[in-house]
């Protein structure tokens, strides 16, 4: 279960898996390729914006100001880092 300010937040199964992976690797930059392999299960990840769309959805649901995220930080041309 995921909560924000004491209220439960509904996530898709994939969003939840992505959130869990980012939290388990908090503070470390995780590449899009790693996420596609570990969260989506691709052996040979395609070039896609899927990860970006899912991170945007997490920002929208969990960040106070999605346009200025504090927790789901993008690392240009690499991937994402979760920061507490």
PDB file of N, CA and C in Angstrom:
ATOM      1  N   UNK A   1       0.831  -1.189   0.000  1.00  0.00           N
ATOM      2  CA  UNK A   1       0.000   0.000   0.000  1.00  0.00           C
ATOM      3  C   UNK A   1       0.867   1.242   0.000  1.00  0.00           C
ATOM      4  N   UNK A   2       0.400   2.242  -0.688  1.00  0.00           N
ATOM      5  CA  UNK A   2       1.127   3.502  -0.789  1.00  0.00           C
ATOM      6  C   UNK A   2       0.241   4.601  -0.242  1.00  0.00           C
ATOM      7  N   UNK A   3       0.835   5.446   0.592  1.00  0.00           N
ATOM      8  CA  UNK A   3       0.088   6.563   1.166  1.00  0.00           C
ATOM      9  C   UNK A   3       0.822   7.865   0.947  1.00  0.00           C
ATOM     10  N   UNK A   4       0.041   8.937   0.817  1.00  0.00           N
ATOM     11  CA  UNK A   4       0.564  10.286   0.735  1.00  0.00           C
ATOM     12  C   UNK A   4      -0.265  11.121   1.688  1.00  0.00           C
ATOM     13  N   UNK A   5       0.397  11.728   2.649  1.00  0.00           N
ATOM     14  CA  UNK A   5      -0.283  12.553   3.653  1.00  0.00           C
ATOM     15  C   UNK A   5      -1.408  11.789   4.340  1.00  0.00           C
ATOM     16  N   UNK A   6      -1.168  10.508   4.631  1.00  0.00           N
ATOM     17  CA  UNK A   6      -2.139   9.704   5.352  1.00  0.00           C
ATOM     18  C   UNK A   6      -3.258   9.130   4.513  1.00  0.00           C
ATOM     19  N   UNK A   7      -3.271   9.446   3.236  1.00  0.00           N
ATOM     20  CA  UNK A   7      -4.309   8.928   2.346  1.00  0.00           C
ATOM     21  C   UNK A   7      -3.709   7.917   1.387  1.00  0.00           C
ATOM     22  N   UNK A   8      -4.476   6.857   1.151  1.00  0.00           N
ATOM     23  CA  UNK A   8      -4.000   5.820   0.236  1.00  0.00           C
ATOM     24  C   UNK A   8      -4.009   6.340  -1.199  1.00  0.00           C
ATOM     25  N   UNK A   9      -2.947   6.024  -1.916  1.00  0.00           N
ATOM     26  CA  UNK A   9      -2.802   6.414  -3.315  1.00  0.00           C
ATOM     27  C   UNK A   9      -2.910   5.150  -4.159  1.00  0.00           C
ATOM     28  N   UNK A  10      -3.759   5.195  -5.164  1.00  0.00           N
ATOM     29  CA  UNK A  10      -3.941   4.054  -6.049  1.00  0.00           C
ATOM     30  C   UNK A  10      -2.894   4.093  -7.157  1.00  0.00           C
ATOM     31  N   UNK A  11      -2.180   2.983  -7.310  1.00  0.00           N
ATOM     32  CA  UNK A  11      -1.185   2.843  -8.363  1.00  0.00           C
ATOM     33  C   UNK A  11      -1.496   1.588  -9.163  1.00  0.00           C
ATOM     34  N   UNK A  12      -1.090   1.585 -10.414  1.00  0.00           N
ATOM     35  CA  UNK A  12      -1.179   0.351 -11.193  1.00  0.00           C
ATOM     36  C   UNK A  12      -0.107  -0.610 -10.659  1.00  0.00           C
ATOM     37  N   UNK A  13      -0.221  -1.852 -11.026  1.00  0.00           N
ATOM     38  CA  UNK A  13       0.768  -2.846 -10.583  1.00  0.00           C
ATOM     39  C   UNK A  13       2.165  -2.463 -11.066  1.00  0.00           C
ATOM     40  N   UNK A  14       2.281  -1.994 -12.300  1.00  0.00           N
ATOM     41  CA  UNK A  14       3.588  -1.616 -12.841  1.00  0.00           C
ATOM     42  C   UNK A  14       4.140  -0.384 -12.131  1.00  0.00           C
ATOM     43  N   UNK A  15       3.287   0.591 -11.838  1.00  0.00           N
ATOM     44  CA  UNK A  15       3.737   1.772 -11.096  1.00  0.00           C
ATOM     45  C   UNK A  15       4.242   1.370  -9.717  1.00  0.00           C
ATOM     46  N   UNK A  16       3.538   0.456  -9.081  1.00  0.00           N
ATOM     47  CA  UNK A  16       3.955  -0.014  -7.761  1.00  0.00           C
ATOM     48  C   UNK A  16       5.307  -0.722  -7.845  1.00  0.00           C
ATOM     49  N   UNK A  17       5.482  -1.576  -8.838  1.00  0.00           N
ATOM     50  CA  UNK A  17       6.759  -2.278  -9.014  1.00  0.00           C
ATOM     51  C   UNK A  17       7.897  -1.297  -9.267  1.00  0.00           C
ATOM     52  N   UNK A  18       7.633  -0.282 -10.081  1.00  0.00           N
ATOM     53  CA  UNK A  18       8.639   0.740 -10.367  1.00  0.00           C
ATOM     54  C   UNK A  18       8.989   1.504  -9.098  1.00  0.00           C
ATOM     55  N   UNK A  19       7.993   1.909  -8.344  1.00  0.00           N
ATOM     56  CA  UNK A  19       8.222   2.621  -7.087  1.00  0.00           C
ATOM     57  C   UNK A  19       9.051   1.777  -6.130  1.00  0.00           C
ATOM     58  N   UNK A  20       8.679   0.524  -5.989  1.00  0.00           N
ATOM     59  CA  UNK A  20       9.412  -0.377  -5.096  1.00  0.00           C
ATOM     60  C   UNK A  20      10.876  -0.508  -5.519  1.00  0.00           C
ATOM     61  N   UNK A  21      11.123  -0.650  -6.819  1.00  0.00           N
ATOM     62  CA  UNK A  21      12.497  -0.785  -7.313  1.00  0.00           C
ATOM     63  C   UNK A  21      13.300   0.485  -7.032  1.00  0.00           C
ATOM     64  N   UNK A  22      12.705   1.633  -7.319  1.00  0.00           N
ATOM     65  CA  UNK A  22      13.404   2.897  -7.074  1.00  0.00           C
ATOM     66  C   UNK A  22      13.707   3.098  -5.590  1.00  0.00           C
ATOM     67  N   UNK A  23      12.765   2.746  -4.735  1.00  0.00           N
ATOM     68  CA  UNK A  23      12.981   2.893  -3.290  1.00  0.00           C
ATOM     69  C   UNK A  23      14.090   1.949  -2.815  1.00  0.00           C
ATOM     70  N   UNK A  24      14.078   0.730  -3.302  1.00  0.00           N
ATOM     71  CA  UNK A  24      15.127  -0.233  -2.913  1.00  0.00           C
ATOM     72  C   UNK A  24      16.520   0.223  -3.348  1.00  0.00           C
ATOM     73  N   UNK A  25      16.576   1.045  -4.382  1.00  0.00           N
ATOM     74  CA  UNK A  25      17.853   1.537  -4.896  1.00  0.00           C
ATOM     75  C   UNK A  25      17.984   3.041  -4.682  1.00  0.00           C
ATOM     76  N   UNK A  26      17.336   3.541  -3.645  1.00  0.00           N
ATOM     77  CA  UNK A  26      17.321   4.987  -3.377  1.00  0.00           C
ATOM     78  C   UNK A  26      18.721   5.565  -3.277  1.00  0.00           C
ATOM     79  N   UNK A  27      18.835   6.791  -3.787  1.00  0.00           N
ATOM     80  CA  UNK A  27      20.102   7.482  -3.752  1.00  0.00           C
ATOM     81  C   UNK A  27      21.039   7.129  -4.891  1.00  0.00           C
ATOM     82  N   UNK A  28      20.699   6.079  -5.648  1.00  0.00           N
ATOM     83  CA  UNK A  28      21.540   5.620  -6.755  1.00  0.00           C
ATOM     84  C   UNK A  28      20.837   5.916  -8.074  1.00  0.00           C
ATOM     85  N   UNK A  29      21.591   6.338  -9.057  1.00  0.00           N
ATOM     86  CA  UNK A  29      21.013   6.552 -10.383  1.00  0.00           C
ATOM     87  C   UNK A  29      20.735   5.188 -11.011  1.00  0.00           C
ATOM     88  N   UNK A  30      19.493   5.001 -11.433  1.00  0.00           N
ATOM     89  CA  UNK A  30      19.065   3.759 -12.076  1.00  0.00           C
ATOM     90  C   UNK A  30      18.784   4.091 -13.535  1.00  0.00           C
ATOM     91  N   UNK A  31      19.428   3.393 -14.431  1.00  0.00           N
ATOM     92  CA  UNK A  31      19.243   3.683 -15.856  1.00  0.00           C
ATOM     93  C   UNK A  31      17.878   3.202 -16.348  1.00  0.00           C
ATOM     94  N   UNK A  32      17.435   3.797 -17.436  1.00  0.00           N
ATOM     95  CA  UNK A  32      16.184   3.362 -18.050  1.00  0.00           C
ATOM     96  C   UNK A  32      16.298   1.894 -18.474  1.00  0.00           C
ATOM     97  N   UNK A  33      17.457   1.520 -19.014  1.00  0.00           N
ATOM     98  CA  UNK A  33      17.660   0.130 -19.445  1.00  0.00           C
ATOM     99  C   UNK A  33      17.533  -0.830 -18.259  1.00  0.00           C
ATOM    100  N   UNK A  34      18.127  -0.471 -17.126  1.00  0.00           N
ATOM    101  CA  UNK A  34      18.021  -1.318 -15.935  1.00  0.00           C
ATOM    102  C   UNK A  34      16.568  -1.462 -15.509  1.00  0.00           C
ATOM    103  N   UNK A  35      15.834  -0.368 -15.535  1.00  0.00           N
ATOM    104  CA  UNK A  35      14.418  -0.423 -15.155  1.00  0.00           C
ATOM    105  C   UNK A  35      13.624  -1.296 -16.115  1.00  0.00           C
ATOM    106  N   UNK A  36      13.889  -1.161 -17.405  1.00  0.00           N
ATOM    107  CA  UNK A  36      13.181  -1.997 -18.375  1.00  0.00           C
ATOM    108  C   UNK A  36      13.510  -3.475 -18.187  1.00  0.00           C
ATOM    109  N   UNK A  37      14.742  -3.774 -17.801  1.00  0.00           N
ATOM    110  CA  UNK A  37      15.123  -5.169 -17.554  1.00  0.00           C
ATOM    111  C   UNK A  37      14.530  -5.691 -16.240  1.00  0.00           C
ATOM    112  N   UNK A  38      14.683  -4.933 -15.171  1.00  0.00           N
ATOM    113  CA  UNK A  38      14.316  -5.416 -13.835  1.00  0.00           C
ATOM    114  C   UNK A  38      12.840  -5.273 -13.503  1.00  0.00           C
ATOM    115  N   UNK A  39      12.213  -4.207 -13.975  1.00  0.00           N
ATOM    116  CA  UNK A  39      10.800  -3.974 -13.642  1.00  0.00           C
ATOM    117  C   UNK A  39       9.881  -4.518 -14.735  1.00  0.00           C
ATOM    118  N   UNK A  40      10.247  -4.287 -15.997  1.00  0.00           N
ATOM    119  CA  UNK A  40       9.411  -4.740 -17.103  1.00  0.00           C
ATOM    120  C   UNK A  40       9.753  -6.151 -17.560  1.00  0.00           C
ATOM    121  N   UNK A  41      10.951  -6.630 -17.246  1.00  0.00           N
ATOM    122  CA  UNK A  41      11.327  -7.995 -17.589  1.00  0.00           C
ATOM    123  C   UNK A  41      11.867  -8.192 -18.992  1.00  0.00           C
ATOM    124  N   UNK A  42      12.286  -7.128 -19.651  1.00  0.00           N
ATOM    125  CA  UNK A  42      12.868  -7.251 -20.989  1.00  0.00           C
ATOM    126  C   UNK A  42      14.272  -7.845 -20.913  1.00  0.00           C
ATOM    127  N   UNK A  43      14.578  -8.757 -21.850  1.00  0.00           N
ATOM    128  CA  UNK A  43      15.939  -9.271 -21.989  1.00  0.00           C
ATOM    129  C   UNK A  43      16.765  -8.313 -22.837  1.00  0.00           C
ATOM    130  N   UNK A  44      16.129  -7.781 -23.866  1.00  0.00           N
ATOM    131  CA  UNK A  44      16.769  -6.840 -24.787  1.00  0.00           C
ATOM    132  C   UNK A  44      15.870  -5.610 -24.868  1.00  0.00           C
ATOM    133  N   UNK A  45      16.039  -4.664 -23.927  1.00  0.00           N
ATOM    134  CA  UNK A  45      15.107  -3.532 -23.839  1.00  0.00           C
ATOM    135  C   UNK A  45      15.040  -2.695 -25.115  1.00  0.00           C
ATOM    136  N   UNK A  46      13.826  -2.366 -25.532  1.00  0.00           N
ATOM    137  CA  UNK A  46      13.661  -1.502 -26.696  1.00  0.00           C
ATOM    138  C   UNK A  46      13.923  -0.042 -26.311  1.00  0.00           C
ATOM    139  N   UNK A  47      14.103   0.791 -27.294  1.00  0.00           N
ATOM    140  CA  UNK A  47      14.198   2.223 -27.040  1.00  0.00           C
ATOM    141  C   UNK A  47      12.760   2.720 -26.941  1.00  0.00           C
ATOM    142  N   UNK A  48      12.404   3.244 -25.780  1.00  0.00           N
ATOM    143  CA  UNK A  48      11.019   3.616 -25.528  1.00  0.00           C
ATOM    144  C   UNK A  48      10.952   4.702 -24.467  1.00  0.00           C
ATOM    145  N   UNK A  49       9.838   5.392 -24.409  1.00  0.00           N
ATOM    146  CA  UNK A  49       9.609   6.421 -23.390  1.00  0.00           C
ATOM    147  C   UNK A  49       8.720   5.879 -22.265  1.00  0.00           C
ATOM    148  N   UNK A  50       8.537   4.575 -22.219  1.00  0.00           N
ATOM    149  CA  UNK A  50       7.672   3.942 -21.226  1.00  0.00           C
ATOM    150  C   UNK A  50       8.077   4.292 -19.801  1.00  0.00           C
ATOM    151  N   UNK A  51       9.355   4.197 -19.508  1.00  0.00           N
ATOM    152  CA  UNK A  51       9.834   4.500 -18.156  1.00  0.00           C
ATOM    153  C   UNK A  51       9.507   5.945 -17.805  1.00  0.00           C
ATOM    154  N   UNK A  52       9.755   6.856 -18.727  1.00  0.00           N
ATOM    155  CA  UNK A  52       9.488   8.270 -18.478  1.00  0.00           C
ATOM    156  C   UNK A  52       8.011   8.521 -18.185  1.00  0.00           C
ATOM    157  N   UNK A  53       7.132   7.869 -18.936  1.00  0.00           N
ATOM    158  CA  UNK A  53       5.696   8.034 -18.722  1.00  0.00           C
ATOM    159  C   UNK A  53       5.281   7.514 -17.349  1.00  0.00           C
ATOM    160  N   UNK A  54       5.842   6.391 -16.930  1.00  0.00           N
ATOM    161  CA  UNK A  54       5.497   5.833 -15.622  1.00  0.00           C
ATOM    162  C   UNK A  54       6.053   6.688 -14.474  1.00  0.00           C
ATOM    163  N   UNK A  55       7.252   7.216 -14.638  1.00  0.00           N
ATOM    164  CA  UNK A  55       7.806   8.102 -13.614  1.00  0.00           C
ATOM    165  C   UNK A  55       6.968   9.370 -13.536  1.00  0.00           C
ATOM    166  N   UNK A  56       6.534   9.895 -14.664  1.00  0.00           N
ATOM    167  CA  UNK A  56       5.668  11.081 -14.664  1.00  0.00           C
ATOM    168  C   UNK A  56       4.374  10.802 -13.902  1.00  0.00           C
ATOM    169  N   UNK A  57       3.819   9.613 -14.073  1.00  0.00           N
ATOM    170  CA  UNK A  57       2.600   9.246 -13.352  1.00  0.00           C
ATOM    171  C   UNK A  57       2.860   9.169 -11.846  1.00  0.00           C
ATOM    172  N   UNK A  58       4.003   8.606 -11.456  1.00  0.00           N
ATOM    173  CA  UNK A  58       4.348   8.558 -10.031  1.00  0.00           C
ATOM    174  C   UNK A  58       4.520   9.963  -9.471  1.00  0.00           C
ATOM    175  N   UNK A  59       5.176  10.831 -10.220  1.00  0.00           N
ATOM    176  CA  UNK A  59       5.335  12.219  -9.775  1.00  0.00           C
ATOM    177  C   UNK A  59       3.972  12.870  -9.574  1.00  0.00           C
ATOM    178  N   UNK A  60       3.092  12.662 -10.527  1.00  0.00           N
ATOM    179  CA  UNK A  60       1.753  13.262 -10.449  1.00  0.00           C
ATOM    180  C   UNK A  60       0.992  12.784  -9.213  1.00  0.00           C
ATOM    181  N   UNK A  61       1.126  11.519  -8.891  1.00  0.00           N
ATOM    182  CA  UNK A  61       0.384  10.956  -7.758  1.00  0.00           C
ATOM    183  C   UNK A  61       1.051  11.203  -6.407  1.00  0.00           C
ATOM    184  N   UNK A  62       2.386  11.297  -6.389  1.00  0.00           N
ATOM    185  CA  UNK A  62       3.077  11.302  -5.099  1.00  0.00           C
ATOM    186  C   UNK A  62       3.852  12.573  -4.758  1.00  0.00           C
ATOM    187  N   UNK A  63       4.229  13.364  -5.728  1.00  0.00           N
ATOM    188  CA  UNK A  63       4.974  14.591  -5.447  1.00  0.00           C
ATOM    189  C   UNK A  63       4.003  15.720  -5.098  1.00  0.00           C
ATOM    190  N   UNK A  64       4.404  16.594  -4.185  1.00  0.00           N
ATOM    191  CA  UNK A  64       3.584  17.768  -3.864  1.00  0.00           C
ATOM    192  C   UNK A  64       3.516  18.716  -5.050  1.00  0.00           C
ATOM    193  N   UNK A  65       4.651  18.880  -5.726  1.00  0.00           N
ATOM    194  CA  UNK A  65       4.734  19.714  -6.925  1.00  0.00           C
ATOM    195  C   UNK A  65       5.377  18.876  -8.030  1.00  0.00           C
ATOM    196  N   UNK A  66       4.562  18.160  -8.812  1.00  0.00           N
ATOM    197  CA  UNK A  66       5.113  17.263  -9.829  1.00  0.00           C
ATOM    198  C   UNK A  66       6.071  17.935 -10.817  1.00  0.00           C
ATOM    199  N   UNK A  67       5.860  19.211 -11.104  1.00  0.00           N
ATOM    200  CA  UNK A  67       6.735  19.915 -12.039  1.00  0.00           C
ATOM    201  C   UNK A  67       8.103  20.223 -11.427  1.00  0.00           C
ATOM    202  N   UNK A  68       8.174  20.173 -10.096  1.00  0.00           N
ATOM    203  CA  UNK A  68       9.440  20.407  -9.382  1.00  0.00           C
ATOM    204  C   UNK A  68       9.658  19.261  -8.392  1.00  0.00           C
ATOM    205  N   UNK A  69       9.924  18.073  -8.901  1.00  0.00           N
ATOM    206  CA  UNK A  69      10.004  16.895  -8.034  1.00  0.00           C
ATOM    207  C   UNK A  69      11.164  16.959  -7.039  1.00  0.00           C
ATOM    208  N   UNK A  70      10.895  16.414  -5.852  1.00  0.00           N
ATOM    209  CA  UNK A  70      11.916  16.312  -4.810  1.00  0.00           C
ATOM    210  C   UNK A  70      12.364  14.866  -4.605  1.00  0.00           C
ATOM    211  N   UNK A  71      11.525  13.927  -5.032  1.00  0.00           N
ATOM    212  CA  UNK A  71      11.799  12.520  -4.755  1.00  0.00           C
ATOM    213  C   UNK A  71      12.157  11.712  -6.004  1.00  0.00           C
ATOM    214  N   UNK A  72      11.496  11.977  -7.111  1.00  0.00           N
ATOM    215  CA  UNK A  72      11.735  11.246  -8.356  1.00  0.00           C
ATOM    216  C   UNK A  72      12.534  12.156  -9.277  1.00  0.00           C
ATOM    217  N   UNK A  73      13.843  12.069  -9.158  1.00  0.00           N
ATOM    218  CA  UNK A  73      14.727  12.991  -9.860  1.00  0.00           C
ATOM    219  C   UNK A  73      15.244  12.377 -11.151  1.00  0.00           C
ATOM    220  N   UNK A  74      15.124  13.128 -12.218  1.00  0.00           N
ATOM    221  CA  UNK A  74      15.636  12.685 -13.508  1.00  0.00           C
ATOM    222  C   UNK A  74      17.108  13.013 -13.637  1.00  0.00           C
ATOM    223  N   UNK A  75      17.843  12.113 -14.245  1.00  0.00           N
ATOM    224  CA  UNK A  75      19.254  12.328 -14.539  1.00  0.00           C
ATOM    225  C   UNK A  75      19.350  12.300 -16.064  1.00  0.00           C
ATOM    226  N   UNK A  76      19.545  13.468 -16.640  1.00  0.00           N
ATOM    227  CA  UNK A  76      19.485  13.645 -18.096  1.00  0.00           C
ATOM    228  C   UNK A  76      20.282  12.584 -18.856  1.00  0.00           C
ATOM    229  N   UNK A  77      19.596  11.992 -19.816  1.00  0.00           N
ATOM    230  CA  UNK A  77      20.165  10.986 -20.728  1.00  0.00           C
ATOM    231  C   UNK A  77      20.597   9.690 -20.052  1.00  0.00           C
ATOM    232  N   UNK A  78      20.242   9.517 -18.775  1.00  0.00           N
ATOM    233  CA  UNK A  78      20.652   8.299 -18.063  1.00  0.00           C
ATOM    234  C   UNK A  78      19.452   7.560 -17.496  1.00  0.00           C
ATOM    235  N   UNK A  79      18.731   8.184 -16.559  1.00  0.00           N
ATOM    236  CA  UNK A  79      17.630   7.521 -15.896  1.00  0.00           C
ATOM    237  C   UNK A  79      17.076   8.344 -14.758  1.00  0.00           C
ATOM    238  N   UNK A  80      16.879   7.691 -13.599  1.00  0.00           N
ATOM    239  CA  UNK A  80      16.225   8.336 -12.464  1.00  0.00           C
ATOM    240  C   UNK A  80      16.900   7.945 -11.157  1.00  0.00           C
ATOM    241  N   UNK A  81      16.698   8.818 -10.164  1.00  0.00           N
ATOM    242  CA  UNK A  81      17.189   8.564  -8.817  1.00  0.00           C
ATOM    243  C   UNK A  81      16.060   8.910  -7.853  1.00  0.00           C
ATOM    244  N   UNK A  82      15.783   8.000  -6.915  1.00  0.00           N
ATOM    245  CA  UNK A  82      14.801   8.282  -5.877  1.00  0.00           C
ATOM    246  C   UNK A  82      15.519   8.872  -4.684  1.00  0.00           C
ATOM    247  N   UNK A  83      15.043   9.988  -4.213  1.00  0.00           N
ATOM    248  CA  UNK A  83      15.633  10.692  -3.083  1.00  0.00           C
ATOM    249  C   UNK A  83      14.563  10.875  -2.021  1.00  0.00           C
ATOM    250  N   UNK A  84      14.886  10.499  -0.777  1.00  0.00           N
ATOM    251  CA  UNK A  84      13.921  10.686   0.316  1.00  0.00           C
ATOM    252  C   UNK A  84      13.907  12.109   0.772  1.00  0.00           C
TER     253      UNK A  84
END
